[in-house]
Amino acid sequence: MICGKKVTATIFAVMALALVSSGRPAMAQAVGPSPIPGQTLFLFSFIGSGPSTFSCNEGGNCTSSFEGIANGVATGRNAQVSSNFSWNFYNLIIAGNQICFPVDGTGTVTTKHKGQLDFFQVGLLCGPAGDGFSPAPAAFNGSFLITGGTGRFAESVGGGSATASSNPNGFVQLFVEGSVTWKGKAPRAG
């Protein structure tokens, strides 16, 4: 019985090695026909990170924005990402020891060779209650909707979920995941 397990494990290891070393690039998972002729619908995600800024005026209108680097499916490596949120300080929701605000904003991912993708985002921005609110540390949970693009992203359609978190120093990590169309076949994964 032990010999059979070793043979099975060896076969799986050889098959995995053959798949990894086949030399063909991994492709993003196509999920079906696109609503736009000449485009492919595929699963889409990226992770972006960078420093943020935050300000509120006397009327309680607040903004937070960040710029950084994104890596992911279709964006490739070292794409430029920017994102911003707006909210009113007086439209707050208190949940336990957290303060939350309905927020909305826009974002852009600019790849090195594939074009630019623009999106709208909406959701809740929450952080610890205390002597006030600062979006550092804080968490955003919401959704995004593709609003435009250039290059491979021209005429793109799509959307999905967006989450972000910031540490006490204002460093943000943004994770976007959903589906999107683009011109041609599905892009390389990773």
N, C-alpha and C. Protein backbone atom coordinates (compact mmCIF):
# COMPACT_ATOMS: atom_id res chain seq x y z
N MET A 1 0.81 -1.19 0.00
CA MET A 1 0.00 0.00 0.00
C MET A 1 0.86 1.26 0.00
N ILE A 2 1.95 1.26 0.76
CA ILE A 2 2.84 2.42 0.81
C ILE A 2 3.46 2.66 -0.55
N CYS A 3 3.84 1.58 -1.24
CA CYS A 3 4.44 1.70 -2.56
C CYS A 3 3.47 2.35 -3.54
N GLY A 4 2.18 1.98 -3.47
CA GLY A 4 1.16 2.58 -4.34
C GLY A 4 1.01 4.07 -4.10
N LYS A 5 1.08 4.48 -2.83
CA LYS A 5 0.98 5.90 -2.50
C LYS A 5 2.17 6.68 -3.06
N LYS A 6 3.37 6.06 -2.97
CA LYS A 6 4.56 6.73 -3.50
C LYS A 6 4.47 6.88 -5.01
N VAL A 7 3.99 5.84 -5.70
CA VAL A 7 3.85 5.91 -7.16
C VAL A 7 2.84 6.97 -7.54
N THR A 8 1.70 7.01 -6.83
CA THR A 8 0.67 8.01 -7.12
C THR A 8 1.22 9.42 -6.89
N ALA A 9 1.92 9.61 -5.78
CA ALA A 9 2.50 10.93 -5.49
C ALA A 9 3.52 11.32 -6.55
N THR A 10 4.32 10.36 -7.00
CA THR A 10 5.32 10.64 -8.03
C THR A 10 4.65 11.02 -9.34
N ILE A 11 3.58 10.31 -9.71
CA ILE A 11 2.86 10.62 -10.95
C ILE A 11 2.30 12.03 -10.89
N PHE A 12 1.66 12.40 -9.76
CA PHE A 12 1.12 13.75 -9.63
C PHE A 12 2.21 14.80 -9.69
N ALA A 13 3.35 14.53 -9.07
CA ALA A 13 4.46 15.49 -9.10
C ALA A 13 4.98 15.67 -10.52
N VAL A 14 5.11 14.58 -11.27
CA VAL A 14 5.58 14.68 -12.66
C VAL A 14 4.57 15.43 -13.52
N MET A 15 3.26 15.16 -13.32
CA MET A 15 2.23 15.87 -14.09
C MET A 15 2.26 17.36 -13.78
N ALA A 16 2.40 17.71 -12.49
CA ALA A 16 2.46 19.13 -12.11
C ALA A 16 3.67 19.81 -12.72
N LEU A 17 4.82 19.13 -12.69
CA LEU A 17 6.03 19.69 -13.29
C LEU A 17 5.86 19.88 -14.79
N ALA A 18 5.22 18.93 -15.45
CA ALA A 18 5.00 19.05 -16.89
C ALA A 18 4.09 20.22 -17.20
N LEU A 19 3.06 20.44 -16.38
CA LEU A 19 2.17 21.57 -16.60
C LEU A 19 2.88 22.89 -16.39
N VAL A 20 3.68 22.97 -15.33
CA VAL A 20 4.39 24.21 -15.02
C VAL A 20 5.44 24.53 -16.06
N SER A 21 6.13 23.52 -16.56
CA SER A 21 7.23 23.76 -17.48
C SER A 21 6.83 23.66 -18.94
N SER A 22 5.53 23.65 -19.23
CA SER A 22 5.10 23.49 -20.61
C SER A 22 5.45 24.69 -21.47
N GLY A 23 5.81 25.82 -20.86
CA GLY A 23 6.24 26.98 -21.62
C GLY A 23 5.09 27.85 -22.11
N ARG A 24 3.87 27.41 -21.95
CA ARG A 24 2.74 28.22 -22.39
C ARG A 24 2.32 29.14 -21.25
N PRO A 25 2.10 30.42 -21.54
CA PRO A 25 1.72 31.33 -20.47
C PRO A 25 0.32 31.03 -19.96
N ALA A 26 0.13 31.20 -18.67
CA ALA A 26 -1.20 31.03 -18.09
C ALA A 26 -2.09 32.17 -18.58
N MET A 27 -3.33 31.86 -18.83
CA MET A 27 -4.28 32.87 -19.30
C MET A 27 -5.33 33.10 -18.22
N ALA A 28 -5.88 34.29 -18.18
CA ALA A 28 -6.97 34.58 -17.27
C ALA A 28 -8.16 33.71 -17.67
N GLN A 29 -9.00 33.40 -16.71
CA GLN A 29 -10.12 32.51 -16.99
C GLN A 29 -11.23 33.26 -17.71
N ALA A 30 -11.48 32.89 -18.97
CA ALA A 30 -12.61 33.44 -19.70
C ALA A 30 -13.87 32.86 -19.09
N VAL A 31 -14.90 33.68 -18.90
CA VAL A 31 -16.12 33.21 -18.24
C VAL A 31 -17.31 33.14 -19.17
N GLY A 32 -17.15 33.50 -20.42
CA GLY A 32 -18.27 33.39 -21.35
C GLY A 32 -18.19 34.43 -22.43
N PRO A 33 -19.20 34.40 -23.30
CA PRO A 33 -19.20 35.37 -24.39
C PRO A 33 -19.37 36.79 -23.85
N SER A 34 -18.73 37.72 -24.51
CA SER A 34 -18.81 39.12 -24.11
C SER A 34 -20.08 39.74 -24.70
N PRO A 35 -20.65 40.71 -24.00
CA PRO A 35 -21.78 41.44 -24.57
C PRO A 35 -21.36 42.36 -25.71
N ILE A 36 -20.06 42.53 -25.90
CA ILE A 36 -19.55 43.42 -26.94
C ILE A 36 -18.79 42.59 -27.97
N PRO A 37 -19.18 42.65 -29.25
CA PRO A 37 -18.47 41.88 -30.28
C PRO A 37 -16.98 42.22 -30.30
N GLY A 38 -16.15 41.19 -30.46
CA GLY A 38 -14.71 41.39 -30.54
C GLY A 38 -14.02 41.48 -29.19
N GLN A 39 -14.77 41.30 -28.10
CA GLN A 39 -14.17 41.37 -26.77
C GLN A 39 -14.38 40.06 -26.03
N THR A 40 -13.56 39.82 -25.02
CA THR A 40 -13.63 38.63 -24.19
C THR A 40 -14.02 39.03 -22.78
N LEU A 41 -14.92 38.27 -22.17
CA LEU A 41 -15.31 38.47 -20.78
C LEU A 41 -14.45 37.55 -19.93
N PHE A 42 -13.79 38.09 -18.91
CA PHE A 42 -12.92 37.26 -18.07
C PHE A 42 -12.93 37.74 -16.63
N LEU A 43 -12.48 36.86 -15.73
CA LEU A 43 -12.33 37.22 -14.33
C LEU A 43 -11.16 38.19 -14.20
N PHE A 44 -11.31 39.19 -13.35
CA PHE A 44 -10.38 40.31 -13.28
C PHE A 44 -10.07 40.60 -11.82
N SER A 45 -8.83 40.85 -11.51
CA SER A 45 -8.48 41.28 -10.16
C SER A 45 -7.14 42.00 -10.17
N PHE A 46 -6.97 42.87 -9.19
CA PHE A 46 -5.66 43.47 -8.96
C PHE A 46 -5.54 43.90 -7.51
N ILE A 47 -4.32 44.02 -7.05
CA ILE A 47 -4.02 44.53 -5.72
C ILE A 47 -3.17 45.78 -5.90
N GLY A 48 -3.60 46.88 -5.30
CA GLY A 48 -2.85 48.12 -5.37
C GLY A 48 -2.50 48.60 -3.98
N SER A 49 -1.42 49.34 -3.86
CA SER A 49 -1.05 49.88 -2.55
C SER A 49 -0.26 51.16 -2.71
N GLY A 50 -0.37 52.01 -1.69
CA GLY A 50 0.36 53.27 -1.70
C GLY A 50 -0.09 54.18 -0.57
N PRO A 51 0.54 55.33 -0.42
CA PRO A 51 0.18 56.28 0.64
C PRO A 51 -1.11 57.03 0.30
N SER A 52 -1.80 57.50 1.35
CA SER A 52 -3.06 58.21 1.15
C SER A 52 -3.03 59.58 1.81
N THR A 53 -3.98 60.42 1.41
CA THR A 53 -4.19 61.72 2.03
C THR A 53 -5.65 61.80 2.47
N PHE A 54 -5.95 62.73 3.39
CA PHE A 54 -7.29 62.85 3.96
C PHE A 54 -7.52 64.29 4.38
N SER A 55 -8.72 64.82 4.07
CA SER A 55 -9.06 66.16 4.54
C SER A 55 -10.57 66.32 4.62
N CYS A 56 -11.01 67.21 5.52
CA CYS A 56 -12.43 67.58 5.65
C CYS A 56 -12.52 69.10 5.73
N ASN A 57 -13.59 69.67 5.17
CA ASN A 57 -13.78 71.11 5.29
C ASN A 57 -14.74 71.41 6.44
N GLU A 58 -15.04 72.68 6.67
CA GLU A 58 -15.89 73.09 7.79
C GLU A 58 -17.31 72.57 7.67
N GLY A 59 -17.77 72.28 6.45
CA GLY A 59 -19.11 71.75 6.24
C GLY A 59 -19.20 70.24 6.44
N GLY A 60 -18.07 69.60 6.78
CA GLY A 60 -18.07 68.16 7.00
C GLY A 60 -17.86 67.34 5.75
N ASN A 61 -17.59 68.00 4.62
CA ASN A 61 -17.32 67.27 3.38
C ASN A 61 -15.87 66.80 3.39
N CYS A 62 -15.68 65.49 3.25
CA CYS A 62 -14.36 64.90 3.39
C CYS A 62 -13.94 64.18 2.11
N THR A 63 -12.65 64.09 1.91
CA THR A 63 -12.09 63.34 0.79
C THR A 63 -10.87 62.57 1.29
N SER A 64 -10.65 61.44 0.67
CA SER A 64 -9.45 60.65 0.92
C SER A 64 -9.01 60.11 -0.43
N SER A 65 -7.72 60.14 -0.69
CA SER A 65 -7.23 59.64 -1.97
C SER A 65 -5.90 58.93 -1.76
N PHE A 66 -5.58 58.06 -2.71
CA PHE A 66 -4.27 57.42 -2.67
C PHE A 66 -3.78 57.16 -4.08
N GLU A 67 -2.47 57.09 -4.22
CA GLU A 67 -1.82 56.73 -5.48
C GLU A 67 -0.77 55.68 -5.16
N GLY A 68 -0.66 54.71 -6.06
CA GLY A 68 0.32 53.66 -5.81
C GLY A 68 0.54 52.77 -7.01
N ILE A 69 0.96 51.56 -6.73
CA ILE A 69 1.30 50.56 -7.73
C ILE A 69 0.30 49.42 -7.64
N ALA A 70 -0.12 48.88 -8.80
CA ALA A 70 -1.05 47.74 -8.84
C ALA A 70 -0.43 46.60 -9.63
N ASN A 71 -0.72 45.39 -9.21
CA ASN A 71 -0.32 44.17 -9.90
C ASN A 71 -1.54 43.27 -10.01
N GLY A 72 -1.73 42.64 -11.17
CA GLY A 72 -2.85 41.71 -11.27
C GLY A 72 -3.12 41.25 -12.68
N VAL A 73 -4.23 40.52 -12.81
CA VAL A 73 -4.68 40.01 -14.10
C VAL A 73 -5.07 41.21 -14.97
N ALA A 74 -4.58 41.26 -16.16
CA ALA A 74 -4.82 42.31 -17.16
C ALA A 74 -4.04 43.59 -16.89
N THR A 75 -3.83 43.96 -15.63
CA THR A 75 -3.05 45.17 -15.35
C THR A 75 -1.57 44.91 -15.51
N GLY A 76 -1.16 43.65 -15.35
CA GLY A 76 0.26 43.33 -15.37
C GLY A 76 0.93 43.82 -14.09
N ARG A 77 2.24 43.94 -14.15
CA ARG A 77 3.00 44.37 -12.98
C ARG A 77 3.29 45.87 -13.05
N ASN A 78 3.33 46.47 -11.88
CA ASN A 78 3.73 47.87 -11.72
C ASN A 78 2.87 48.85 -12.51
N ALA A 79 1.57 48.59 -12.58
CA ALA A 79 0.65 49.56 -13.16
C ALA A 79 0.44 50.69 -12.15
N GLN A 80 0.10 51.86 -12.61
CA GLN A 80 -0.19 52.98 -11.73
C GLN A 80 -1.66 52.93 -11.34
N VAL A 81 -1.97 53.08 -10.06
CA VAL A 81 -3.36 53.08 -9.60
C VAL A 81 -3.59 54.32 -8.75
N SER A 82 -4.76 54.92 -8.91
CA SER A 82 -5.17 56.02 -8.04
C SER A 82 -6.65 55.84 -7.72
N SER A 83 -7.03 56.30 -6.55
CA SER A 83 -8.40 56.12 -6.09
C SER A 83 -8.74 57.24 -5.13
N ASN A 84 -10.01 57.65 -5.12
CA ASN A 84 -10.44 58.67 -4.16
C ASN A 84 -11.85 58.39 -3.69
N PHE A 85 -12.17 58.87 -2.49
CA PHE A 85 -13.50 58.75 -1.90
C PHE A 85 -13.95 60.11 -1.41
N SER A 86 -15.25 60.32 -1.41
CA SER A 86 -15.83 61.52 -0.80
C SER A 86 -16.97 61.09 0.11
N TRP A 87 -17.18 61.83 1.19
CA TRP A 87 -18.29 61.57 2.10
C TRP A 87 -18.54 62.81 2.92
N ASN A 88 -19.68 62.81 3.64
CA ASN A 88 -20.00 63.90 4.55
C ASN A 88 -19.92 63.36 5.97
N PHE A 89 -19.18 64.06 6.82
CA PHE A 89 -18.94 63.62 8.19
C PHE A 89 -20.23 63.47 8.99
N TYR A 90 -21.28 64.22 8.62
CA TYR A 90 -22.52 64.18 9.39
C TYR A 90 -23.44 63.05 8.95
N ASN A 91 -23.10 62.32 7.91
CA ASN A 91 -23.88 61.16 7.47
C ASN A 91 -23.24 59.88 8.01
N LEU A 92 -23.11 59.80 9.31
CA LEU A 92 -22.38 58.68 9.90
C LEU A 92 -23.32 57.59 10.39
N ILE A 93 -22.76 56.40 10.46
CA ILE A 93 -23.44 55.23 11.03
C ILE A 93 -22.54 54.74 12.15
N ILE A 94 -23.10 54.57 13.35
CA ILE A 94 -22.32 54.06 14.47
C ILE A 94 -22.66 52.58 14.64
N ALA A 95 -21.63 51.75 14.62
CA ALA A 95 -21.80 50.31 14.77
C ALA A 95 -20.82 49.83 15.84
N GLY A 96 -21.31 49.63 17.05
CA GLY A 96 -20.42 49.24 18.15
C GLY A 96 -19.42 50.33 18.42
N ASN A 97 -18.15 50.00 18.35
CA ASN A 97 -17.11 51.02 18.56
C ASN A 97 -16.51 51.48 17.23
N GLN A 98 -17.28 51.34 16.15
CA GLN A 98 -16.84 51.77 14.82
C GLN A 98 -17.76 52.87 14.30
N ILE A 99 -17.20 53.77 13.51
CA ILE A 99 -17.96 54.78 12.79
C ILE A 99 -17.84 54.45 11.31
N CYS A 100 -18.97 54.46 10.61
CA CYS A 100 -18.96 54.17 9.18
C CYS A 100 -19.62 55.31 8.42
N PHE A 101 -19.17 55.50 7.19
CA PHE A 101 -19.71 56.54 6.32
C PHE A 101 -20.00 55.94 4.95
N PRO A 102 -21.16 56.27 4.36
CA PRO A 102 -21.37 55.92 2.95
C PRO A 102 -20.43 56.79 2.11
N VAL A 103 -19.67 56.17 1.22
CA VAL A 103 -18.70 56.89 0.40
C VAL A 103 -18.85 56.52 -1.06
N ASP A 104 -18.40 57.41 -1.91
CA ASP A 104 -18.30 57.09 -3.33
C ASP A 104 -17.08 57.79 -3.89
N GLY A 105 -16.63 57.33 -5.04
CA GLY A 105 -15.45 57.93 -5.63
C GLY A 105 -15.11 57.29 -6.95
N THR A 106 -13.94 57.61 -7.43
CA THR A 106 -13.48 57.10 -8.72
C THR A 106 -12.07 56.53 -8.57
N GLY A 107 -11.67 55.79 -9.58
CA GLY A 107 -10.33 55.24 -9.59
C GLY A 107 -9.86 55.03 -11.01
N THR A 108 -8.56 54.89 -11.17
CA THR A 108 -7.95 54.68 -12.48
C THR A 108 -6.77 53.73 -12.32
N VAL A 109 -6.65 52.80 -13.26
CA VAL A 109 -5.46 51.95 -13.35
C VAL A 109 -4.86 52.20 -14.72
N THR A 110 -3.60 52.58 -14.77
CA THR A 110 -2.90 52.82 -16.03
C THR A 110 -1.79 51.78 -16.17
N THR A 111 -1.94 50.91 -17.16
CA THR A 111 -0.96 49.85 -17.36
C THR A 111 0.19 50.37 -18.22
N LYS A 112 1.26 49.61 -18.27
CA LYS A 112 2.42 50.03 -19.06
C LYS A 112 2.17 49.94 -20.56
N HIS A 113 1.42 48.91 -21.00
CA HIS A 113 1.29 48.70 -22.44
C HIS A 113 -0.14 48.43 -22.91
N LYS A 114 -1.09 48.27 -22.00
CA LYS A 114 -2.42 47.82 -22.40
C LYS A 114 -3.48 48.90 -22.36
N GLY A 115 -3.21 50.03 -21.75
CA GLY A 115 -4.18 51.11 -21.70
C GLY A 115 -4.56 51.47 -20.28
N GLN A 116 -5.62 52.24 -20.18
CA GLN A 116 -6.10 52.75 -18.90
C GLN A 116 -7.51 52.24 -18.65
N LEU A 117 -7.83 51.93 -17.40
CA LEU A 117 -9.15 51.47 -16.99
C LEU A 117 -9.67 52.43 -15.93
N ASP A 118 -10.85 52.99 -16.15
CA ASP A 118 -11.46 53.93 -15.20
C ASP A 118 -12.65 53.24 -14.53
N PHE A 119 -12.85 53.52 -13.23
CA PHE A 119 -13.96 52.90 -12.52
C PHE A 119 -14.56 53.84 -11.49
N PHE A 120 -15.82 53.57 -11.14
CA PHE A 120 -16.56 54.25 -10.09
C PHE A 120 -16.65 53.26 -8.94
N GLN A 121 -16.60 53.74 -7.71
CA GLN A 121 -16.72 52.86 -6.55
C GLN A 121 -17.66 53.46 -5.52
N VAL A 122 -18.37 52.60 -4.81
CA VAL A 122 -19.31 53.02 -3.79
C VAL A 122 -19.32 51.97 -2.68
N GLY A 123 -19.49 52.41 -1.43
CA GLY A 123 -19.52 51.46 -0.32
C GLY A 123 -19.48 52.15 1.02
N LEU A 124 -18.99 51.44 2.03
CA LEU A 124 -18.87 51.97 3.38
C LEU A 124 -17.40 52.06 3.79
N LEU A 125 -17.04 53.19 4.38
CA LEU A 125 -15.71 53.41 4.95
C LEU A 125 -15.88 53.41 6.46
N CYS A 126 -15.21 52.50 7.16
CA CYS A 126 -15.38 52.35 8.60
C CYS A 126 -14.05 52.42 9.32
N GLY A 127 -14.07 52.98 10.52
CA GLY A 127 -12.88 53.07 11.34
C GLY A 127 -13.25 53.15 12.80
N PRO A 128 -12.27 53.09 13.68
CA PRO A 128 -12.54 53.12 15.12
C PRO A 128 -13.16 54.44 15.56
N ALA A 129 -14.16 54.34 16.43
CA ALA A 129 -14.74 55.54 17.05
C ALA A 129 -13.79 55.99 18.14
N GLY A 130 -13.78 57.25 18.40
CA GLY A 130 -12.88 57.79 19.43
C GLY A 130 -13.11 59.27 19.52
N ASP A 131 -12.05 60.03 19.47
CA ASP A 131 -12.14 61.49 19.54
C ASP A 131 -12.54 62.09 18.20
N GLY A 132 -12.88 61.29 17.25
CA GLY A 132 -13.22 61.75 15.91
C GLY A 132 -13.03 60.59 14.96
N PHE A 133 -12.87 60.88 13.70
CA PHE A 133 -12.65 59.82 12.72
C PHE A 133 -11.51 60.21 11.81
N SER A 134 -10.67 59.26 11.55
CA SER A 134 -9.62 59.41 10.56
C SER A 134 -9.62 58.13 9.73
N PRO A 135 -9.52 58.23 8.41
CA PRO A 135 -9.52 57.00 7.62
C PRO A 135 -8.19 56.25 7.70
N ALA A 136 -7.48 56.44 8.79
CA ALA A 136 -6.24 55.69 9.02
C ALA A 136 -6.13 55.40 10.51
N PRO A 137 -6.39 54.21 10.99
CA PRO A 137 -6.75 53.03 10.21
C PRO A 137 -8.24 53.02 9.87
N ALA A 138 -8.55 52.38 8.76
CA ALA A 138 -9.94 52.25 8.33
C ALA A 138 -10.05 51.11 7.33
N ALA A 139 -11.29 50.74 7.04
CA ALA A 139 -11.55 49.69 6.04
C ALA A 139 -12.68 50.15 5.13
N PHE A 140 -12.55 49.86 3.85
CA PHE A 140 -13.59 50.14 2.86
C PHE A 140 -14.09 48.82 2.31
N ASN A 141 -15.40 48.68 2.23
CA ASN A 141 -16.03 47.53 1.58
C ASN A 141 -17.09 48.06 0.64
N GLY A 142 -16.98 47.68 -0.64
CA GLY A 142 -17.95 48.18 -1.59
C GLY A 142 -17.86 47.47 -2.93
N SER A 143 -18.26 48.19 -3.94
CA SER A 143 -18.26 47.63 -5.29
C SER A 143 -17.68 48.65 -6.27
N PHE A 144 -17.31 48.15 -7.45
CA PHE A 144 -16.80 49.03 -8.49
C PHE A 144 -17.54 48.76 -9.79
N LEU A 145 -17.58 49.76 -10.64
CA LEU A 145 -18.21 49.68 -11.95
C LEU A 145 -17.27 50.33 -12.96
N ILE A 146 -16.94 49.61 -14.02
CA ILE A 146 -16.08 50.16 -15.07
C ILE A 146 -16.82 51.30 -15.75
N THR A 147 -16.17 52.45 -15.89
CA THR A 147 -16.80 53.61 -16.53
C THR A 147 -16.14 54.00 -17.84
N GLY A 148 -15.01 53.41 -18.17
CA GLY A 148 -14.34 53.76 -19.42
C GLY A 148 -12.94 53.20 -19.46
N GLY A 149 -12.27 53.49 -20.55
CA GLY A 149 -10.91 53.03 -20.67
C GLY A 149 -10.32 53.38 -22.02
N THR A 150 -9.04 53.07 -22.17
CA THR A 150 -8.33 53.29 -23.43
C THR A 150 -7.59 52.01 -23.78
N GLY A 151 -7.07 51.92 -24.99
CA GLY A 151 -6.30 50.76 -25.41
C GLY A 151 -7.14 49.51 -25.37
N ARG A 152 -6.61 48.43 -24.78
CA ARG A 152 -7.35 47.17 -24.68
C ARG A 152 -8.62 47.33 -23.86
N PHE A 153 -8.69 48.35 -23.01
CA PHE A 153 -9.85 48.57 -22.15
C PHE A 153 -10.90 49.50 -22.78
N ALA A 154 -10.67 49.97 -24.00
CA ALA A 154 -11.66 50.83 -24.66
C ALA A 154 -12.96 50.04 -24.79
N GLU A 155 -14.06 50.64 -24.46
CA GLU A 155 -15.39 50.04 -24.52
C GLU A 155 -15.57 48.89 -23.53
N SER A 156 -14.71 48.78 -22.52
CA SER A 156 -14.85 47.71 -21.53
C SER A 156 -16.12 47.86 -20.72
N VAL A 157 -16.67 46.73 -20.33
CA VAL A 157 -17.84 46.65 -19.46
C VAL A 157 -17.46 45.74 -18.31
N GLY A 158 -17.87 46.08 -17.09
CA GLY A 158 -17.59 45.18 -15.98
C GLY A 158 -17.80 45.82 -14.64
N GLY A 159 -17.58 45.02 -13.61
CA GLY A 159 -17.72 45.48 -12.24
C GLY A 159 -17.43 44.34 -11.29
N GLY A 160 -17.56 44.63 -10.00
CA GLY A 160 -17.31 43.61 -8.99
C GLY A 160 -17.15 44.23 -7.62
N SER A 161 -16.38 43.57 -6.77
CA SER A 161 -16.20 44.04 -5.40
C SER A 161 -14.86 44.76 -5.24
N ALA A 162 -14.84 45.67 -4.30
CA ALA A 162 -13.62 46.42 -3.98
C ALA A 162 -13.51 46.52 -2.47
N THR A 163 -12.32 46.22 -1.95
CA THR A 163 -12.07 46.38 -0.52
C THR A 163 -10.73 47.11 -0.36
N ALA A 164 -10.62 47.86 0.69
CA ALA A 164 -9.36 48.56 0.97
C ALA A 164 -9.19 48.66 2.47
N SER A 165 -7.95 48.74 2.89
CA SER A 165 -7.66 48.97 4.30
C SER A 165 -6.47 49.91 4.39
N SER A 166 -6.41 50.64 5.50
CA SER A 166 -5.27 51.54 5.71
C SER A 166 -4.74 51.34 7.12
N ASN A 167 -3.45 51.56 7.27
CA ASN A 167 -2.85 51.45 8.60
C ASN A 167 -2.85 52.84 9.25
N PRO A 168 -2.43 52.96 10.51
CA PRO A 168 -2.44 54.27 11.18
C PRO A 168 -1.62 55.35 10.48
N ASN A 169 -0.66 54.96 9.65
CA ASN A 169 0.15 55.93 8.92
C ASN A 169 -0.46 56.33 7.58
N GLY A 170 -1.63 55.78 7.23
CA GLY A 170 -2.28 56.14 5.98
C GLY A 170 -1.87 55.32 4.78
N PHE A 171 -1.12 54.25 4.97
CA PHE A 171 -0.75 53.39 3.84
C PHE A 171 -1.94 52.52 3.49
N VAL A 172 -2.35 52.52 2.22
CA VAL A 172 -3.57 51.83 1.76
C VAL A 172 -3.22 50.61 0.93
N GLN A 173 -4.01 49.55 1.12
CA GLN A 173 -4.00 48.40 0.23
C GLN A 173 -5.41 48.25 -0.33
N LEU A 174 -5.52 48.19 -1.65
CA LEU A 174 -6.80 48.09 -2.36
C LEU A 174 -6.84 46.77 -3.10
N PHE A 175 -7.95 46.02 -2.96
CA PHE A 175 -8.14 44.77 -3.68
C PHE A 175 -9.43 44.88 -4.48
N VAL A 176 -9.32 44.68 -5.79
CA VAL A 176 -10.47 44.76 -6.69
C VAL A 176 -10.60 43.42 -7.39
N GLU A 177 -11.84 42.90 -7.46
CA GLU A 177 -12.08 41.60 -8.06
C GLU A 177 -13.45 41.59 -8.72
N GLY A 178 -13.53 41.10 -9.94
CA GLY A 178 -14.81 41.03 -10.62
C GLY A 178 -14.66 40.47 -12.02
N SER A 179 -15.48 40.97 -12.92
CA SER A 179 -15.39 40.55 -14.32
C SER A 179 -15.33 41.79 -15.19
N VAL A 180 -14.65 41.65 -16.32
CA VAL A 180 -14.47 42.78 -17.23
C VAL A 180 -14.30 42.23 -18.65
N THR A 181 -14.62 43.05 -19.62
CA THR A 181 -14.35 42.69 -21.01
C THR A 181 -13.16 43.51 -21.50
N TRP A 182 -12.49 43.00 -22.51
CA TRP A 182 -11.48 43.79 -23.19
C TRP A 182 -11.32 43.29 -24.60
N LYS A 183 -10.67 44.08 -25.45
CA LYS A 183 -10.52 43.74 -26.86
C LYS A 183 -9.62 42.53 -27.02
N GLY A 184 -10.08 41.53 -27.75
CA GLY A 184 -9.28 40.35 -28.04
C GLY A 184 -9.49 39.24 -27.04
N LYS A 185 -8.53 38.31 -27.02
CA LYS A 185 -8.60 37.15 -26.14
C LYS A 185 -8.29 37.55 -24.70
N ALA A 186 -8.60 36.64 -23.78
CA ALA A 186 -8.32 36.89 -22.36
C ALA A 186 -6.83 37.14 -22.17
N PRO A 187 -6.47 38.05 -21.26
CA PRO A 187 -5.06 38.37 -21.03
C PRO A 187 -4.35 37.27 -20.26
N ARG A 188 -3.04 37.36 -20.22
CA ARG A 188 -2.26 36.44 -19.40
C ARG A 188 -2.60 36.64 -17.94
N ALA A 189 -2.62 35.56 -17.19
CA ALA A 189 -2.88 35.64 -15.76
C ALA A 189 -1.62 36.14 -15.05
N GLY A 190 -1.82 36.80 -13.90
CA GLY A 190 -0.70 37.21 -13.08
C GLY A 190 -0.13 38.53 -13.39
